[in-house]
Protein backbone atom coordinates (compact mmCIF):
# COMPACT_ATOMS: atom_id res chain seq x y z
CA MET A 1 -6.38 45.21 37.48
CA LYS A 2 -4.48 44.03 34.43
CA ALA A 3 -6.38 42.15 31.75
CA ARG A 4 -5.62 38.46 31.58
CA TRP A 5 -3.67 37.48 28.43
CA LYS A 6 -5.36 34.98 26.15
CA PRO A 7 -3.53 33.17 23.38
CA LYS A 8 -4.65 33.85 19.83
CA PRO A 9 -6.76 31.13 18.18
CA MET A 10 -4.01 30.10 15.75
CA LEU A 11 -1.43 29.95 18.53
CA ARG A 12 -3.84 27.99 20.71
CA GLN A 13 -4.38 25.46 17.91
CA LEU A 14 -0.63 25.10 17.43
CA VAL A 15 -0.14 24.44 21.15
CA LEU A 16 -2.90 21.80 21.10
CA ILE A 17 -1.37 20.07 18.07
CA LEU A 18 2.11 19.98 19.61
CA THR A 19 0.68 18.69 22.89
CA SER A 20 -1.22 15.94 21.09
CA LEU A 21 1.87 14.91 19.16
CA ALA A 22 3.95 14.78 22.32
CA ALA A 23 1.30 12.64 24.00
CA THR A 24 1.09 10.11 21.19
CA THR A 25 4.78 9.66 20.34
CA SER A 26 5.14 6.77 22.78
CA THR A 27 2.37 4.78 21.09
CA ALA A 28 2.52 5.99 17.50
CA ARG A 29 6.13 5.40 16.61
CA ALA A 30 6.49 4.22 13.03
CA ASP A 31 9.44 2.25 11.75
CA TRP A 32 12.02 4.60 10.32
CA GLY A 33 15.61 4.55 9.24
CA LEU A 34 18.34 6.87 8.10
CA ASN A 35 19.06 5.00 4.87
CA MET A 36 17.20 3.36 2.00
CA PRO A 37 16.33 -0.34 2.46
CA GLU A 38 18.68 -2.90 0.94
CA GLY A 39 15.74 -4.89 -0.38
CA VAL A 40 15.28 -8.57 -1.23
CA THR A 41 15.92 -8.61 -4.96
CA GLU A 42 19.11 -8.71 -6.98
CA LEU A 43 18.42 -5.28 -8.46
CA SER A 44 17.46 -3.72 -5.14
CA LYS A 45 20.81 -4.75 -3.66
CA GLU A 46 22.64 -3.46 -6.74
CA THR A 47 20.74 -0.17 -6.45
CA TYR A 48 21.62 0.03 -2.76
CA ASP A 49 25.33 -0.57 -3.48
CA LEU A 50 25.26 2.15 -6.16
CA HIS A 51 23.57 4.51 -3.71
CA MET A 52 26.24 3.83 -1.05
CA LEU A 53 29.06 4.27 -3.57
CA ILE A 54 27.78 7.70 -4.62
CA PHE A 55 27.07 8.59 -0.98
CA TRP A 56 30.66 7.93 0.11
CA VAL A 57 32.05 9.76 -2.93
CA CYS A 58 29.96 12.78 -1.90
CA VAL A 59 31.14 12.43 1.71
CA TRP A 60 34.81 12.47 0.66
CA ILE A 61 34.23 15.43 -1.65
CA GLY A 62 32.64 17.29 1.25
CA VAL A 63 35.49 16.37 3.61
CA VAL A 64 38.15 17.58 1.15
CA VAL A 65 36.37 20.80 0.15
CA PHE A 66 35.37 21.85 3.65
CA GLY A 67 38.73 20.69 5.03
CA VAL A 68 40.57 23.02 2.64
CA MET A 69 38.16 25.87 3.43
CA ILE A 70 38.47 25.48 7.21
CA TYR A 71 42.27 25.14 7.02
CA SER A 72 42.49 28.27 4.85
CA ILE A 73 40.27 30.28 7.20
CA PHE A 74 42.38 29.47 10.28
CA ALA A 75 45.85 29.25 8.75
CA HIS A 76 45.58 32.45 6.72
CA ARG A 77 43.60 34.67 9.05
CA LYS A 78 44.45 38.34 9.47
CA SER A 79 45.31 37.98 13.18
CA ARG A 80 48.34 35.89 12.17
CA GLY A 81 49.62 38.71 10.01
CA VAL A 82 49.00 36.93 6.72
CA THR A 83 49.00 39.23 3.72
CA PRO A 84 46.37 38.41 1.06
CA ALA A 85 47.69 37.31 -2.31
CA ASN A 86 47.39 39.78 -5.15
CA PHE A 87 46.14 37.90 -8.22
CA SER A 88 42.98 37.84 -10.33
CA HIS A 89 42.80 34.15 -11.25
CA SER A 90 44.70 30.87 -11.42
CA THR A 91 44.59 28.88 -14.65
CA MET A 92 45.76 25.74 -12.89
CA ALA A 93 43.00 25.98 -10.26
CA GLU A 94 40.35 26.53 -12.91
CA VAL A 95 41.54 23.51 -14.89
CA LEU A 96 41.56 21.33 -11.78
CA TRP A 97 38.13 22.29 -10.48
CA THR A 98 36.72 21.59 -13.94
CA ALA A 99 38.61 18.39 -14.76
CA VAL A 100 38.27 16.65 -11.38
CA PRO A 101 34.42 16.78 -11.26
CA VAL A 102 34.26 15.62 -14.89
CA VAL A 103 36.47 12.62 -14.10
CA ILE A 104 34.37 11.78 -11.00
CA LEU A 105 31.10 11.99 -12.95
CA LEU A 106 32.45 9.84 -15.78
CA ALA A 107 33.66 7.23 -13.29
CA LEU A 108 30.22 7.13 -11.60
CA ALA A 109 28.42 7.00 -14.95
CA VAL A 110 29.77 3.50 -15.70
CA PRO A 111 28.12 1.56 -12.81
CA THR A 112 25.06 3.84 -12.97
CA ALA A 113 24.44 3.11 -16.65
CA LYS A 114 24.93 -0.61 -16.04
CA THR A 115 22.28 -0.65 -13.30
CA LEU A 116 19.82 1.49 -15.29
CA VAL A 117 20.09 -0.84 -18.28
CA ARG A 118 19.39 -3.87 -16.07
CA LEU A 119 16.40 -2.13 -14.51
CA GLU A 120 14.78 -1.92 -17.95
CA ASP A 121 15.70 -5.44 -19.09
CA SER A 122 12.47 -7.38 -18.56
CA ARG A 123 13.16 -9.98 -21.25
CA ASP A 124 12.48 -13.71 -20.73
CA PRO A 125 10.29 -13.52 -17.61
CA ASP A 126 9.06 -16.61 -15.77
CA LEU A 127 5.79 -14.89 -14.92
CA THR A 128 3.93 -11.83 -16.25
CA ILE A 129 1.44 -9.84 -14.18
CA VAL A 130 -0.65 -6.92 -15.46
CA ALA A 131 -1.38 -4.43 -12.65
CA THR A 132 -4.14 -1.90 -13.30
CA GLY A 133 -4.75 0.98 -10.91
CA TYR A 134 -8.28 2.04 -9.94
CA GLN A 135 -9.60 4.57 -7.44
CA TRP A 136 -8.71 3.06 -4.97
CA LYS A 137 -7.63 -0.51 -5.54
CA TRP A 138 -5.47 -2.63 -7.82
CA HIS A 139 -6.44 -5.29 -10.31
CA TYR A 140 -3.91 -8.03 -11.10
CA ARG A 141 -4.06 -10.37 -14.07
CA TYR A 142 -1.69 -13.33 -14.24
CA GLN A 143 -1.23 -13.72 -17.98
CA ASP A 144 0.42 -17.13 -17.75
CA GLU A 145 -2.36 -18.49 -15.53
CA ASP A 146 -5.31 -16.75 -17.25
CA MET A 147 -6.38 -15.53 -13.83
CA GLY A 148 -7.15 -12.15 -12.30
CA PHE A 149 -8.47 -10.49 -9.15
CA TYR A 150 -8.95 -7.17 -7.37
CA SER A 151 -6.84 -6.23 -4.36
CA THR A 152 -8.34 -3.72 -1.92
CA LEU A 153 -7.69 -2.43 1.58
CA SER A 154 -8.26 -5.11 4.21
CA LEU A 155 -11.54 -5.06 6.16
CA ASP A 156 -9.77 -4.46 9.52
CA SER A 157 -8.05 -1.32 8.25
CA LEU A 158 -11.18 -0.20 6.40
CA GLU A 159 -13.25 -0.33 9.58
CA ALA A 160 -10.58 1.25 11.79
CA ARG A 161 -10.07 4.26 9.50
CA ARG A 162 -13.66 5.40 9.97
CA LYS A 163 -14.03 8.06 12.66
CA GLN A 164 -17.13 6.57 14.25
CA SER A 165 -15.91 2.96 14.26
CA GLY A 166 -14.62 3.05 17.84
CA ILE A 167 -11.61 0.93 16.80
CA ASP A 168 -8.16 2.09 17.82
CA PRO A 169 -6.01 2.04 14.63
CA PHE A 170 -2.93 1.22 16.71
CA THR A 171 -4.47 -2.14 17.60
CA VAL A 172 -4.82 -3.13 13.92
CA GLU A 173 -1.86 -5.09 12.61
CA ASN A 174 -0.34 -3.53 9.47
CA TYR A 175 -2.85 -0.69 9.60
CA LEU A 176 -3.49 0.69 6.06
CA LEU A 177 -0.80 -1.66 4.71
CA ASP A 178 -2.82 -4.86 4.34
CA VAL A 179 -5.11 -6.10 1.57
CA ASP A 180 -7.74 -8.78 1.05
CA ASN A 181 -6.00 -10.39 -1.95
CA PRO A 182 -2.19 -10.06 -2.02
CA VAL A 183 0.01 -10.63 -5.04
CA VAL A 184 1.61 -14.07 -4.71
CA VAL A 185 4.78 -14.92 -6.66
CA PRO A 186 7.33 -17.75 -6.50
CA VAL A 187 10.75 -17.08 -5.00
CA GLY A 188 13.70 -16.91 -7.38
CA LYS A 189 11.52 -16.36 -10.47
CA LYS A 190 11.70 -13.34 -12.76
CA VAL A 191 8.38 -11.50 -12.62
CA ARG A 192 7.55 -8.98 -15.33
CA LEU A 193 5.09 -6.32 -14.18
CA LEU A 194 3.01 -4.42 -16.76
CA LEU A 195 1.48 -1.28 -15.24
CA THR A 196 -1.43 0.83 -16.43
CA SER A 197 -4.43 2.69 -14.99
CA ASN A 198 -8.16 2.74 -15.60
CA ASP A 199 -8.82 6.29 -14.39
CA VAL A 200 -6.13 8.63 -12.99
CA LEU A 201 -2.39 8.50 -12.36
CA HIS A 202 -1.27 5.86 -9.87
CA ALA A 203 2.16 4.50 -8.93
CA TRP A 204 3.13 0.96 -7.87
CA TRP A 205 5.72 1.27 -5.09
CA VAL A 206 7.23 -1.55 -3.00
CA PRO A 207 10.53 -0.42 -1.37
CA ASP A 208 11.84 -3.94 -0.65
CA LEU A 209 11.52 -4.80 -4.35
CA ALA A 210 13.12 -1.49 -5.43
CA ILE A 211 10.13 -0.73 -7.66
CA LYS A 212 8.39 2.62 -8.04
CA LYS A 213 6.69 2.86 -11.41
CA ASP A 214 3.84 5.05 -12.64
CA ALA A 215 0.53 3.59 -13.80
CA ILE A 216 -0.79 5.92 -16.51
CA PRO A 217 -4.14 5.69 -18.32
CA GLY A 218 -3.68 4.57 -21.93
CA ILE A 219 0.01 3.72 -21.41
CA ILE A 220 1.66 0.47 -20.35
CA ASN A 221 4.82 0.82 -18.27
CA GLU A 222 7.07 -2.15 -17.71
CA THR A 223 9.33 -3.27 -14.89
CA TRP A 224 10.46 -6.51 -13.27
CA PHE A 225 11.76 -8.10 -10.09
CA LYS A 226 13.11 -11.42 -8.85
CA ALA A 227 12.71 -11.84 -5.11
CA GLU A 228 15.41 -13.94 -3.48
CA GLN A 229 13.82 -14.28 -0.04
CA VAL A 230 10.49 -15.76 1.02
CA GLY A 231 8.37 -13.24 2.88
CA THR A 232 5.67 -10.57 2.75
CA TYR A 233 6.58 -7.16 1.35
CA ARG A 234 4.35 -4.12 1.57
CA GLY A 235 4.02 -0.91 -0.38
CA GLN A 236 1.54 1.76 -1.42
CA CYS A 237 0.35 3.84 -4.32
CA ALA A 238 2.94 6.62 -4.47
CA GLU A 239 0.93 9.00 -6.66
CA LEU A 240 -1.65 11.42 -5.24
CA CYS A 241 -4.63 9.75 -6.94
CA GLY A 242 -7.56 11.25 -5.00
CA LYS A 243 -9.15 11.64 -1.58
CA ASP A 244 -8.61 7.97 -0.62
CA HIS A 245 -5.04 7.88 -1.91
CA GLY A 246 -3.75 6.65 1.44
CA TYR A 247 -6.03 3.59 1.39
CA MET A 248 -4.52 1.85 -1.65
CA PRO A 249 -1.80 -0.47 -0.30
CA ILE A 250 0.17 -3.17 -2.12
CA VAL A 251 1.13 -6.52 -0.61
CA VAL A 252 3.43 -9.02 -2.31
CA GLU A 253 3.84 -12.50 -0.83
CA VAL A 254 6.91 -14.39 -2.01
CA VAL A 255 6.55 -18.15 -1.50
CA ASP A 256 8.28 -21.29 -2.71
CA GLU A 257 7.28 -22.92 -6.00
CA ASP A 258 5.09 -25.61 -4.43
CA ALA A 259 3.19 -23.10 -2.31
CA TYR A 260 2.68 -20.90 -5.35
CA ARG A 261 1.21 -23.74 -7.42
CA ALA A 262 -1.03 -24.71 -4.52
CA TRP A 263 -2.24 -21.10 -4.19
CA VAL A 264 -3.12 -20.92 -7.89
CA ASP A 265 -4.93 -24.27 -7.82
CA THR A 266 -6.84 -23.39 -4.65
CA ARG A 267 -7.92 -20.02 -6.03
CA LYS A 268 -9.26 -21.52 -9.21
CA ALA A 269 -10.99 -24.40 -7.40
CA ASP A 270 -12.59 -22.32 -4.64
CA ASP A 271 -13.78 -19.50 -6.90
CA PRO A 272 -14.73 -20.49 -10.46
CA GLN A 273 -15.20 -16.80 -11.32
CA PHE A 274 -11.72 -15.94 -10.08
CA ALA A 275 -10.12 -16.54 -13.47
CA ALA A 276 -12.65 -14.37 -15.24
CA ARG A 277 -12.21 -11.26 -13.09
């Protein structure tokens, strides 16, 4: 009687993983897209337009290059009796394939340089916030308001991430992307963000604001944004900062001017120690 075949342990584990993934795809689908987000700031939209410009330039380059290659392969194939040309090089071809890419790169450098300069121009802000990274939370100080606070993972996500909690993470709204104290800023105002760290490397990343900037111990990095739409925008620390790296989200709430002033007044009134944190 033939021995019964048994899968190897590694193969068995792979089969179990694939089976589990197939079983959870219907309930664990994350939002995804094929392109970068357009964002809600002036610079994010300008960055998106620059990205699309370069994308379509690359598409047309690919169409032309591969079109010529495919045409040459079929139009000059041996079965049609085509005799190969007998030459070692073409000066004209060498000049063209050098000059054309140079012209394209110079043309793209103009809008690229313009956008990069604007990304670094944080002069004359309406509001300045100092963001300091910790393992694993953020501290925000509003310099103009003489007010500061810590922002950590929300209690719902904190409980659900524990293995023995018995809470299904899929039932938690904005799982691992919500905090107890979000950053609140007024709409249409230029916000300068000063970034540093108290321990290891962190990175402040909010896709809708087109910001991804490192927070480095002993160094202050600078960036800015001006949100043009009221709403809540979420991000994360984008630097591998330790074992709880995935539990360090960022939430920015953009509100109108009146709501912003009310938030500041309420914070200071409800928590006298809030300004001293």
